[in-house]
């Protein structure tokens, strides 16, 4: 952490959290589909 990526656009914490949640949901769906499909 710290001063990495200062020149990147600042993403607000709420947006970061939303992205994380979306990733988790996508992974969950993939797992469920794999379990059903295979």
Protein backbone atom coordinates (compact mmCIF):
# COMPACT_ATOMS: atom_id res chain seq x y z
CA UNK A 1 0.00 0.00 0.00
CA UNK A 2 1.03 3.62 0.16
CA UNK A 3 2.12 5.62 -2.85
CA UNK A 4 1.55 3.07 -5.60
CA UNK A 5 -0.33 4.31 -8.64
CA UNK A 6 -0.65 7.96 -7.68
CA UNK A 7 -1.13 8.92 -11.34
CA UNK A 8 -4.00 6.46 -11.74
CA UNK A 9 -7.51 7.78 -11.44
CA UNK A 10 -8.72 7.57 -7.88
CA UNK A 11 -11.45 5.00 -7.53
CA UNK A 12 -13.71 5.60 -4.59
CA UNK A 13 -13.87 2.87 -1.97
CA UNK A 14 -17.52 2.13 -2.65
CA UNK A 15 -16.79 1.48 -6.33
CA UNK A 16 -13.91 -0.82 -5.39
CA UNK A 17 -16.16 -2.76 -3.05
CA UNK A 18 -18.84 -3.07 -5.72
CA UNK A 19 -16.28 -4.42 -8.19
CA UNK A 20 -15.03 -6.92 -5.62
CA UNK A 21 -18.56 -8.09 -4.89
CA UNK A 22 -19.27 -8.48 -8.60
CA UNK A 23 -16.14 -10.56 -9.06
CA UNK A 24 -17.12 -12.79 -6.15
CA UNK A 25 -20.62 -13.27 -7.56
CA UNK A 26 -19.23 -14.11 -11.00
CA UNK A 27 -16.87 -16.68 -9.51
CA UNK A 28 -19.72 -18.17 -7.51
CA UNK A 29 -21.91 -18.45 -10.60
CA UNK A 30 -19.12 -20.10 -12.56
CA UNK A 31 -18.62 -22.65 -9.80
CA UNK A 32 -22.32 -23.41 -9.63
CA UNK A 33 -22.58 -23.73 -13.42
CA UNK A 34 -19.58 -26.05 -13.46
CA UNK A 35 -21.12 -28.16 -10.72
CA UNK A 36 -24.42 -28.39 -12.58
CA UNK A 37 -22.95 -28.80 -16.07
CA UNK A 38 -20.36 -31.46 -15.32
